[in-house]
Amino acid sequence: MVNSQTFDFKKNIPLMVVLLSGAFITILNQTLLATALPPIMVDLHITESTVQWLQSIFMLVNGIMIPITAFLIGKFTTRRLFLTAMSIFAFGTLIAAVAPSFSFLLLGRVLQGAGAGIMMPLLQTIMFLLFPIEKRGKAMGMYGLVIAFAPAIGPSLSGYLVDQFPWRSVFYVVLPFALLNIIAAYFLLKNVTKQTNPKMDSLSIILSTFGFGGLLYGFSIAGTADWLSAEVGLSIAIGAISLILFIRRQLKLVQPILEFRVFKYKIFTIATGLGMIVFSSMIATTVILPLFMQTMLGFNAFHSGLMLLPGAIIMGIMNPVTGALFDKYGARWLLLTGFTILTITTFMFANLSAGTSFTYLAILNAVRMTGIAMVMMPSTTLGLNQLPNHLISHGTAMNNTFRQISGSVGTAVLVTIMVTAEIDDGTVSGQIHGVNIAFLVAGYISIVGLVLSFLIKDSKPKRSPVKA
């Protein structure tokens, strides 16, 4: 077990590289398939509605696995769980690369999603236990660099690969890095988490799967389907009922699968809410802006992905900076400044037209991502800092779960607003009106985050007591 009081960052750079590269590899796959879907349709002779399942199933399985990761962290050692998660992910990547049919390709994506779903909360938990409280901002800043940059380069990278090589290349490129990460983790990773050996509660696992899975699936398809359709309504209803039953059961169990009592910590609750607002705003934008560029301005998929890249780079650079600032000054002024930038730039996106240039979109998005970087990891670190060590695994699982749900719900709601608000006059301007209204609503939501930020008082991390 690593003592966080004596953890030396410089001496453990190889360990940090293993952890962060593992996160990068798994998170990259959230968007890596984006521009590879058309050639997959042609090669495997499937329809657009069928091929979209390759994206949906990854996010769905990912979202189902995250809530039960707190249980897995208590059940298995750090090394065993990390190596198992990466092995599942690598095996899924191999199956997808050699898949002779769509069914095998879908199975590969299921395994990738399962491995990635375990990795994200596990990595956050490891980092919080490795670092003393006054250095966690720096650690989470490095983690934030990965989760911001990896999904942003996915569309551009896959666009280049499928232009030059067969679509299977998107999996063959990832596979060797996943295998190298497993080998490095075997030799470098230490056991950090404490095994509490919680009892397996099968009913809780089932309720969690239907609860979070139903909500994620329902809201995911609601963005492109009719909100009043039976599929959307039934999925959300099953998810909501299952989630209520799941929460009630967890509050009664001595050893819950997911500890909802973390929300008794007020700052954790507020910080989780702030993270949900900013993450949903970020994810929804990465969907709406490419749609605007491709369907209304005539750009191709590669260029719409390229437009997002400066923002990803800025956010990647800013995350370690905001992490260091968090350690030194606390979260309050970072959150207030970040939400101010986010609010202003979101309202500026509500004034788009057919004459809007690539440069304007890229620069404004980059500035907006600066604001998001000032909120995302600082709010996560602030919230988890409130929890005692035995609740951190539950806090990270809860944080990641609600962030996934907020991304799904935010995208569905804003895409629906965009489509509904379109003026059906046969002009591009009529379509763009829907985009502007969607960003207008997003701007008002960001104001809510700005107001909530004022509830954060003195949030500067207190130095951990040094043991004699």
Protein backbone atom coordinates (compact mmCIF):
# COMPACT_ATOMS: atom_id res chain seq x y z
CA MET A 1 0.00 0.00 0.00
CA VAL A 2 1.42 3.40 -1.03
CA ASN A 3 1.60 6.09 1.65
CA SER A 4 0.31 9.33 0.10
CA GLN A 5 2.23 11.36 2.65
CA THR A 6 5.57 10.16 1.27
CA PHE A 7 4.58 9.91 -2.40
CA ASP A 8 7.25 11.54 -4.58
CA PHE A 9 5.82 12.68 -7.91
CA LYS A 10 9.18 12.86 -9.72
CA LYS A 11 10.26 9.38 -8.61
CA ASN A 12 6.92 7.94 -9.70
CA ILE A 13 6.73 9.47 -13.17
CA PRO A 14 6.75 5.97 -14.81
CA LEU A 15 3.76 4.99 -12.66
CA MET A 16 1.91 8.17 -13.63
CA VAL A 17 2.67 7.55 -17.31
CA VAL A 18 1.13 4.07 -17.01
CA LEU A 19 -2.02 5.41 -15.36
CA LEU A 20 -2.50 8.38 -17.71
CA SER A 21 -1.72 6.41 -20.88
CA GLY A 22 -4.25 3.78 -19.80
CA ALA A 23 -6.85 6.52 -19.40
CA PHE A 24 -5.92 8.09 -22.75
CA ILE A 25 -6.21 4.80 -24.66
CA THR A 26 -9.62 3.90 -23.23
CA ILE A 27 -11.16 7.39 -23.38
CA LEU A 28 -9.95 7.93 -26.96
CA ASN A 29 -12.30 5.16 -28.08
CA GLN A 30 -15.38 7.16 -27.13
CA THR A 31 -15.04 9.16 -30.36
CA LEU A 32 -12.44 7.25 -32.40
CA LEU A 33 -15.07 5.48 -34.49
CA ALA A 34 -16.94 8.67 -35.45
CA THR A 35 -15.69 9.06 -39.05
CA ALA A 36 -15.10 5.32 -39.57
CA LEU A 37 -18.82 4.48 -39.53
CA PRO A 38 -19.54 5.13 -43.27
CA PRO A 39 -16.85 2.70 -44.57
CA ILE A 40 -17.97 0.12 -41.98
CA MET A 41 -21.53 0.41 -43.37
CA VAL A 42 -20.28 -0.26 -46.89
CA ASP A 43 -17.92 -3.10 -45.98
CA LEU A 44 -20.34 -4.99 -43.70
CA HIS A 45 -23.49 -4.13 -45.71
CA ILE A 46 -25.41 -2.58 -42.82
CA THR A 47 -27.69 0.44 -42.48
CA GLU A 48 -26.99 3.75 -40.75
CA SER A 49 -29.35 2.92 -37.87
CA THR A 50 -27.52 -0.37 -37.31
CA VAL A 51 -23.97 1.01 -37.47
CA GLN A 52 -24.81 3.70 -34.90
CA TRP A 53 -25.02 0.93 -32.32
CA LEU A 54 -21.21 0.76 -32.39
CA GLN A 55 -21.18 4.21 -30.77
CA SER A 56 -24.24 3.74 -28.57
CA ILE A 57 -23.23 0.35 -27.14
CA PHE A 58 -19.81 1.66 -26.08
CA MET A 59 -21.33 4.56 -24.14
CA LEU A 60 -24.12 2.36 -22.76
CA VAL A 61 -21.83 -0.40 -21.41
CA ASN A 62 -19.41 2.27 -20.20
CA GLY A 63 -22.20 3.93 -18.22
CA ILE A 64 -23.40 0.62 -16.78
CA MET A 65 -19.94 -0.41 -15.56
CA ILE A 66 -19.00 2.88 -13.86
CA PRO A 67 -21.54 2.65 -10.96
CA ILE A 68 -20.38 -0.84 -9.92
CA THR A 69 -16.68 0.09 -10.04
CA ALA A 70 -16.76 1.16 -6.37
CA PHE A 71 -17.79 -2.42 -5.52
CA LEU A 72 -15.04 -3.86 -7.75
CA ILE A 73 -12.42 -1.57 -6.16
CA GLY A 74 -13.36 -2.93 -2.74
CA LYS A 75 -13.38 -6.51 -3.98
CA PHE A 76 -10.08 -6.70 -5.89
CA THR A 77 -6.55 -5.32 -5.57
CA THR A 78 -5.55 -2.25 -7.58
CA ARG A 79 -3.16 -4.19 -9.83
CA ARG A 80 -5.60 -7.01 -10.50
CA LEU A 81 -8.50 -4.69 -11.36
CA PHE A 82 -6.37 -2.40 -13.56
CA LEU A 83 -4.80 -5.32 -15.45
CA THR A 84 -8.19 -7.01 -15.85
CA ALA A 85 -9.86 -3.84 -17.14
CA MET A 86 -7.07 -3.15 -19.64
CA SER A 87 -7.02 -6.81 -20.73
CA ILE A 88 -10.78 -6.79 -21.36
CA PHE A 89 -10.37 -3.56 -23.33
CA ALA A 90 -7.43 -4.98 -25.37
CA PHE A 91 -9.29 -8.23 -26.09
CA GLY A 92 -12.30 -6.23 -27.28
CA THR A 93 -10.02 -4.15 -29.53
CA LEU A 94 -8.55 -7.33 -31.05
CA ILE A 95 -12.01 -8.81 -31.70
CA ALA A 96 -13.13 -5.55 -33.35
CA ALA A 97 -9.99 -5.41 -35.51
CA VAL A 98 -10.47 -8.93 -36.95
CA ALA A 99 -14.30 -9.01 -36.80
CA PRO A 100 -15.70 -11.00 -39.75
CA SER A 101 -19.21 -9.63 -39.17
CA PHE A 102 -21.12 -6.83 -37.47
CA SER A 103 -22.02 -9.08 -34.52
CA PHE A 104 -18.36 -9.67 -33.69
CA LEU A 105 -17.58 -5.97 -34.14
CA LEU A 106 -20.40 -5.10 -31.73
CA LEU A 107 -19.05 -7.65 -29.21
CA GLY A 108 -15.64 -5.98 -29.45
CA ARG A 109 -17.19 -2.60 -28.67
CA VAL A 110 -19.05 -4.10 -25.68
CA LEU A 111 -15.76 -5.36 -24.23
CA GLN A 112 -14.04 -2.03 -24.96
CA GLY A 113 -16.84 -0.18 -23.16
CA ALA A 114 -16.67 -2.53 -20.17
CA GLY A 115 -12.91 -2.07 -19.77
CA ALA A 116 -13.10 1.71 -20.20
CA GLY A 117 -16.00 1.96 -17.73
CA ILE A 118 -13.87 0.38 -15.00
CA MET A 119 -10.76 2.40 -15.84
CA MET A 120 -12.05 5.96 -15.40
CA PRO A 121 -13.25 5.84 -11.75
CA LEU A 122 -10.42 3.44 -10.85
CA LEU A 123 -7.79 5.91 -12.08
CA GLN A 124 -9.37 8.80 -10.20
CA THR A 125 -9.46 6.71 -7.02
CA ILE A 126 -5.80 5.68 -7.41
CA MET A 127 -4.72 9.30 -7.88
CA PHE A 128 -6.63 10.51 -4.84
CA LEU A 129 -5.10 7.83 -2.66
CA LEU A 130 -1.59 8.37 -4.07
CA PHE A 131 -1.51 12.14 -3.56
CA PRO A 132 -1.92 14.12 -0.32
CA ILE A 133 -4.80 16.57 -0.40
CA GLU A 134 -2.63 19.64 -1.11
CA LYS A 135 -1.26 18.05 -4.31
CA ARG A 136 -4.45 16.52 -5.73
CA GLY A 137 -5.20 19.51 -7.94
CA LYS A 138 -1.97 18.92 -9.87
CA ALA A 139 -2.73 15.20 -10.21
CA MET A 140 -6.29 15.78 -11.42
CA GLY A 141 -5.01 18.46 -13.79
CA MET A 142 -2.90 15.80 -15.51
CA TYR A 143 -5.91 13.48 -15.60
CA GLY A 144 -8.03 16.33 -17.01
CA LEU A 145 -5.51 16.80 -19.81
CA VAL A 146 -6.17 13.21 -20.87
CA ILE A 147 -9.97 13.21 -20.67
CA ALA A 148 -10.14 16.50 -22.59
CA PHE A 149 -7.62 15.77 -25.31
CA ALA A 150 -8.33 12.08 -26.01
CA PRO A 151 -11.97 12.32 -27.19
CA ALA A 152 -11.29 15.56 -29.08
CA ILE A 153 -8.64 14.07 -31.36
CA GLY A 154 -10.69 10.91 -32.00
CA PRO A 155 -12.68 12.20 -35.01
CA SER A 156 -9.63 13.80 -36.68
CA LEU A 157 -7.43 10.73 -36.11
CA SER A 158 -10.04 8.28 -37.37
CA GLY A 159 -10.75 10.59 -40.33
CA TYR A 160 -7.09 10.46 -41.35
CA LEU A 161 -6.84 6.67 -40.82
CA VAL A 162 -9.93 5.75 -42.85
CA ASP A 163 -8.82 8.08 -45.65
CA GLN A 164 -5.46 6.29 -45.89
CA PHE A 165 -6.22 2.74 -44.72
CA PRO A 166 -9.12 0.27 -44.21
CA TRP A 167 -11.46 1.03 -41.29
CA ARG A 168 -9.90 -1.77 -39.20
CA SER A 169 -6.83 0.45 -38.83
CA VAL A 170 -8.59 2.44 -36.08
CA PHE A 171 -8.42 -0.69 -33.91
CA TYR A 172 -5.00 -1.92 -35.04
CA VAL A 173 -3.46 1.44 -34.10
CA VAL A 174 -4.87 1.26 -30.55
CA LEU A 175 -4.11 -2.43 -29.85
CA PRO A 176 -0.29 -2.30 -29.47
CA PHE A 177 -0.53 0.68 -27.11
CA ALA A 178 -3.08 -1.19 -24.97
CA LEU A 179 -0.78 -4.24 -24.81
CA LEU A 180 2.26 -2.10 -23.92
CA ASN A 181 0.23 -0.46 -21.16
CA ILE A 182 -0.66 -3.87 -19.71
CA ILE A 183 3.01 -4.94 -19.71
CA ALA A 184 4.14 -1.68 -18.10
CA ALA A 185 1.36 -1.85 -15.46
CA TYR A 186 2.39 -5.41 -14.56
CA PHE A 187 5.85 -4.21 -13.56
CA LEU A 188 5.15 -0.68 -12.28
CA LEU A 189 1.68 -0.52 -10.75
CA LYS A 190 1.40 -0.78 -6.95
CA ASN A 191 -1.59 -1.77 -4.84
CA VAL A 192 -3.13 1.46 -3.58
CA THR A 193 -6.79 0.75 -2.84
CA LYS A 194 -7.91 -1.08 0.29
CA GLN A 195 -9.81 -4.35 -0.09
CA THR A 196 -12.99 -4.29 1.99
CA ASN A 197 -14.38 -7.48 0.40
CA PRO A 198 -17.98 -6.20 0.06
CA LYS A 199 -20.76 -8.75 -0.35
CA MET A 200 -22.10 -9.23 -3.86
CA ASP A 201 -25.75 -8.15 -4.06
CA SER A 202 -27.09 -9.47 -7.36
CA LEU A 203 -30.33 -7.48 -7.20
CA SER A 204 -28.38 -4.23 -6.79
CA ILE A 205 -26.27 -5.04 -9.87
CA ILE A 206 -29.43 -5.76 -11.89
CA LEU A 207 -31.19 -2.58 -10.73
CA SER A 208 -28.06 -0.52 -11.40
CA THR A 209 -27.77 -1.94 -14.92
CA PHE A 210 -31.39 -1.25 -15.82
CA GLY A 211 -31.44 2.08 -13.97
CA PHE A 212 -28.35 3.79 -15.36
CA GLY A 213 -28.46 1.82 -18.63
CA GLY A 214 -32.10 2.68 -19.27
CA LEU A 215 -31.59 6.40 -18.66
CA LEU A 216 -28.41 6.56 -20.75
CA TYR A 217 -29.97 4.68 -23.64
CA GLY A 218 -33.25 6.59 -23.51
CA PHE A 219 -31.65 10.02 -23.54
CA SER A 220 -29.02 8.95 -26.09
CA ILE A 221 -31.62 8.02 -28.71
CA ALA A 222 -33.95 10.90 -27.75
CA GLY A 223 -31.61 13.37 -29.43
CA THR A 224 -32.26 11.84 -32.85
CA ALA A 225 -35.60 10.06 -32.29
CA ASP A 226 -39.07 11.26 -31.31
CA TRP A 227 -39.27 12.02 -27.56
CA LEU A 228 -42.82 10.65 -27.60
CA SER A 229 -41.80 7.34 -29.19
CA ALA A 230 -42.40 4.14 -27.22
CA GLU A 231 -38.69 3.25 -27.30
CA VAL A 232 -37.59 6.52 -25.70
CA GLY A 233 -40.43 6.66 -23.17
CA LEU A 234 -40.10 3.02 -22.12
CA SER A 235 -36.30 3.24 -21.75
CA ILE A 236 -36.45 6.35 -19.59
CA ALA A 237 -39.36 5.00 -17.52
CA ILE A 238 -37.62 1.66 -16.86
CA GLY A 239 -34.40 3.51 -16.06
CA ALA A 240 -36.06 5.94 -13.64
CA ILE A 241 -38.05 3.25 -11.77
CA SER A 242 -35.03 0.92 -11.55
CA LEU A 243 -32.82 3.77 -10.34
CA ILE A 244 -35.29 4.72 -7.57
CA LEU A 245 -35.43 1.08 -6.42
CA PHE A 246 -31.62 0.87 -6.64
CA ILE A 247 -31.13 3.98 -4.48
CA ARG A 248 -33.64 2.78 -1.87
CA ARG A 249 -31.90 -0.58 -1.68
CA GLN A 250 -28.44 0.98 -1.32
CA LEU A 251 -29.60 3.09 1.62
CA LYS A 252 -30.76 -0.07 3.42
CA LEU A 253 -27.70 -2.25 2.77
CA VAL A 254 -24.85 -2.40 5.30
CA GLN A 255 -22.36 -2.67 2.40
CA PRO A 256 -23.99 -0.89 -0.58
CA ILE A 257 -22.73 -1.35 -4.13
CA LEU A 258 -22.76 2.43 -4.51
CA GLU A 259 -22.82 4.68 -1.44
CA PHE A 260 -25.36 7.47 -2.00
CA ARG A 261 -24.58 8.91 1.43
CA VAL A 262 -21.70 10.79 -0.21
CA PHE A 263 -24.34 13.39 -1.07
CA LYS A 264 -24.59 14.23 2.65
CA TYR A 265 -21.40 16.19 2.06
CA LYS A 266 -22.78 19.53 0.83
CA ILE A 267 -19.72 20.70 -1.12
CA PHE A 268 -19.43 17.31 -2.85
CA THR A 269 -23.06 17.61 -3.97
CA ILE A 270 -22.62 21.17 -5.28
CA ALA A 271 -19.32 20.32 -6.98
CA THR A 272 -20.87 17.27 -8.66
CA GLY A 273 -23.70 19.47 -9.94
CA LEU A 274 -21.21 22.01 -11.33
CA GLY A 275 -19.29 19.20 -13.06
CA MET A 276 -22.51 17.89 -14.61
CA ILE A 277 -23.41 21.31 -16.01
CA VAL A 278 -20.00 21.95 -17.54
CA PHE A 279 -19.58 18.42 -18.92
CA SER A 280 -23.02 18.38 -20.56
CA SER A 281 -22.24 21.78 -22.09
CA MET A 282 -18.93 20.48 -23.49
CA ILE A 283 -20.32 17.21 -24.88
CA ALA A 284 -23.40 18.84 -26.42
CA THR A 285 -21.19 21.38 -28.20
CA THR A 286 -19.02 18.64 -29.73
CA VAL A 287 -22.22 17.26 -31.27
CA ILE A 288 -23.98 20.48 -32.29
CA LEU A 289 -21.03 22.36 -33.83
CA PRO A 290 -20.02 19.54 -36.23
CA LEU A 291 -23.69 19.18 -37.25
CA PHE A 292 -23.83 22.93 -37.89
CA MET A 293 -20.60 22.88 -39.92
CA GLN A 294 -21.40 19.79 -42.00
CA THR A 295 -25.14 20.15 -42.68
CA MET A 296 -25.41 23.96 -42.82
CA LEU A 297 -22.00 25.33 -43.82
CA GLY A 298 -20.88 22.46 -46.07
CA PHE A 299 -17.66 21.44 -44.28
CA ASN A 300 -16.60 17.78 -44.30
CA ALA A 301 -16.22 15.57 -41.20
CA PHE A 302 -12.44 15.96 -41.04
CA HIS A 303 -12.60 19.76 -41.01
CA SER A 304 -15.38 19.84 -38.41
CA GLY A 305 -13.20 17.63 -36.21
CA LEU A 306 -10.22 19.87 -36.92
CA MET A 307 -12.22 22.89 -35.75
CA LEU A 308 -12.54 21.29 -32.28
CA LEU A 309 -8.82 20.51 -32.05
CA PRO A 310 -7.53 23.97 -30.90
CA GLY A 311 -10.04 23.87 -28.04
CA ALA A 312 -8.86 20.39 -27.06
CA ILE A 313 -5.22 21.52 -27.12
CA ILE A 314 -6.02 24.63 -25.05
CA MET A 315 -7.96 22.55 -22.53
CA GLY A 316 -5.15 20.01 -22.41
CA ILE A 317 -2.63 22.76 -21.63
CA MET A 318 -4.94 24.48 -19.15
CA ASN A 319 -5.86 21.44 -17.03
CA PRO A 320 -2.44 21.03 -15.37
CA VAL A 321 -2.30 24.83 -14.91
CA THR A 322 -5.72 25.00 -13.25
CA GLY A 323 -4.74 21.98 -11.13
CA ALA A 324 -1.69 23.81 -9.79
CA LEU A 325 -3.77 26.97 -9.21
CA PHE A 326 -6.35 24.90 -7.33
CA ASP A 327 -3.66 23.56 -4.99
CA LYS A 328 -2.42 27.08 -4.31
CA TYR A 329 -5.59 29.19 -4.19
CA GLY A 330 -8.56 26.82 -3.97
CA ALA A 331 -11.52 26.33 -6.30
CA ARG A 332 -13.82 29.34 -5.76
CA TRP A 333 -12.23 31.93 -8.04
CA LEU A 334 -11.44 29.27 -10.67
CA LEU A 335 -15.11 28.22 -10.77
CA LEU A 336 -16.40 31.79 -10.90
CA THR A 337 -13.98 32.81 -13.66
CA GLY A 338 -14.54 29.60 -15.61
CA PHE A 339 -18.33 29.84 -15.56
CA THR A 340 -18.15 33.53 -16.51
CA ILE A 341 -16.07 32.67 -19.61
CA LEU A 342 -18.33 29.71 -20.40
CA THR A 343 -21.49 31.83 -20.12
CA ILE A 344 -20.20 34.69 -22.30
CA THR A 345 -18.82 32.44 -25.05
CA THR A 346 -21.94 30.25 -25.09
CA PHE A 347 -24.13 33.31 -25.70
CA MET A 348 -21.70 34.37 -28.45
CA PHE A 349 -22.35 30.99 -30.12
CA ALA A 350 -26.04 31.91 -30.13
CA ASN A 351 -25.39 34.42 -32.93
CA LEU A 352 -24.19 32.14 -35.76
CA SER A 353 -24.98 32.68 -39.43
CA ALA A 354 -24.27 31.24 -42.87
CA GLY A 355 -21.29 33.58 -43.05
CA THR A 356 -19.64 32.34 -39.84
CA SER A 357 -16.05 31.38 -40.60
CA PHE A 358 -14.01 28.32 -39.61
CA THR A 359 -11.54 30.60 -37.82
CA TYR A 360 -14.24 32.28 -35.72
CA LEU A 361 -15.67 28.92 -34.63
CA ALA A 362 -12.24 27.49 -33.79
CA ILE A 363 -11.11 30.53 -31.76
CA LEU A 364 -14.40 30.98 -29.89
CA ASN A 365 -14.52 27.28 -29.06
CA ALA A 366 -10.91 27.42 -27.81
CA VAL A 367 -11.75 30.34 -25.49
CA ARG A 368 -14.86 28.49 -24.31
CA MET A 369 -12.80 25.38 -23.55
CA THR A 370 -10.49 27.55 -21.42
CA GLY A 371 -13.49 28.32 -19.22
CA ILE A 372 -14.49 24.66 -19.12
CA ALA A 373 -10.95 23.68 -18.07
CA MET A 374 -11.20 26.11 -15.14
CA VAL A 375 -14.30 24.28 -13.90
CA MET A 376 -14.15 20.59 -14.80
CA MET A 377 -11.20 19.16 -12.86
CA PRO A 378 -11.23 21.77 -10.04
CA SER A 379 -14.91 20.99 -9.32
CA THR A 380 -14.18 17.23 -9.34
CA THR A 381 -11.15 17.63 -7.06
CA LEU A 382 -13.04 19.98 -4.74
CA GLY A 383 -15.90 17.51 -4.35
CA LEU A 384 -13.77 14.42 -3.77
CA ASN A 385 -11.54 16.29 -1.29
CA GLN A 386 -14.56 16.48 1.04
CA LEU A 387 -14.78 12.70 1.36
CA PRO A 388 -12.88 10.43 3.75
CA ASN A 389 -10.61 7.85 2.06
CA HIS A 390 -13.08 4.96 2.47
CA LEU A 391 -15.68 6.88 0.42
CA ILE A 392 -13.42 8.10 -2.38
CA SER A 393 -14.06 5.08 -4.62
CA HIS A 394 -17.82 5.68 -4.22
CA GLY A 395 -17.34 9.40 -4.88
CA THR A 396 -15.38 8.82 -8.08
CA ALA A 397 -17.93 6.27 -9.30
CA MET A 398 -20.78 8.66 -8.49
CA ASN A 399 -18.99 11.60 -10.10
CA ASN A 400 -18.29 9.72 -13.33
CA THR A 401 -21.78 8.19 -13.47
CA PHE A 402 -23.62 11.47 -13.11
CA ARG A 403 -21.25 13.13 -15.56
CA GLN A 404 -22.08 10.46 -18.16
CA ILE A 405 -25.80 10.91 -17.56
CA SER A 406 -25.55 14.70 -17.76
CA GLY A 407 -23.64 14.44 -21.06
CA SER A 408 -26.33 12.15 -22.48
CA VAL A 409 -29.24 14.25 -21.19
CA GLY A 410 -27.64 17.57 -22.17
CA THR A 411 -26.94 16.41 -25.71
CA ALA A 412 -30.45 14.97 -26.15
CA VAL A 413 -32.17 18.09 -24.84
CA LEU A 414 -30.09 20.61 -26.81
CA VAL A 415 -30.26 18.61 -30.07
CA THR A 416 -34.04 18.37 -29.63
CA ILE A 417 -34.25 22.13 -29.04
CA MET A 418 -32.10 22.70 -32.12
CA VAL A 419 -34.34 20.56 -34.33
CA THR A 420 -37.61 21.90 -32.87
CA ALA A 421 -36.56 25.56 -33.13
CA GLU A 422 -35.58 25.30 -36.80
CA ILE A 423 -37.65 27.56 -39.07
CA ASP A 424 -38.98 25.38 -41.87
CA ASP A 425 -38.59 27.87 -44.69
CA GLY A 426 -36.20 25.83 -46.83
CA THR A 427 -33.24 28.11 -46.11
CA VAL A 428 -29.97 27.56 -44.27
CA SER A 429 -30.78 30.57 -42.08
CA GLY A 430 -33.92 28.78 -40.89
CA GLN A 431 -31.86 25.77 -39.84
CA ILE A 432 -29.22 27.92 -38.16
CA HIS A 433 -31.94 29.59 -36.08
CA GLY A 434 -32.39 26.24 -34.30
CA VAL A 435 -28.67 26.09 -33.50
CA ASN A 436 -28.75 29.61 -32.08
CA ILE A 437 -31.72 28.82 -29.83
CA ALA A 438 -29.96 25.67 -28.56
CA PHE A 439 -26.90 27.73 -27.58
CA LEU A 440 -29.15 30.36 -26.01
CA VAL A 441 -30.65 27.69 -23.71
CA ALA A 442 -27.14 26.36 -22.98
CA GLY A 443 -26.12 29.89 -21.99
CA TYR A 444 -28.94 30.14 -19.44
CA ILE A 445 -27.93 26.74 -18.01
CA SER A 446 -24.35 27.97 -17.59
CA ILE A 447 -25.73 30.94 -15.62
CA VAL A 448 -27.13 28.40 -13.14
CA GLY A 449 -23.60 27.03 -12.74
CA LEU A 450 -22.24 30.55 -12.21
CA VAL A 451 -24.79 31.21 -9.46
CA LEU A 452 -24.03 27.87 -7.75
CA SER A 453 -20.32 28.75 -7.79
CA PHE A 454 -21.01 31.56 -5.32
CA LEU A 455 -21.98 28.89 -2.76
CA ILE A 456 -18.35 27.73 -2.67
CA LYS A 457 -16.60 29.62 0.13
CA ASP A 458 -13.06 29.02 1.40
CA SER A 459 -12.07 25.96 -0.65
CA LYS A 460 -8.27 26.05 -0.46
CA PRO A 461 -7.04 22.50 0.28
CA LYS A 462 -5.62 22.07 3.78
CA ARG A 463 -2.23 20.40 4.03
CA SER A 464 -2.36 16.76 5.08
CA PRO A 465 -0.95 16.08 8.54
CA VAL A 466 2.48 14.53 8.27
CA LYS A 467 2.92 11.37 10.29
CA ALA A 468 5.87 11.27 12.64
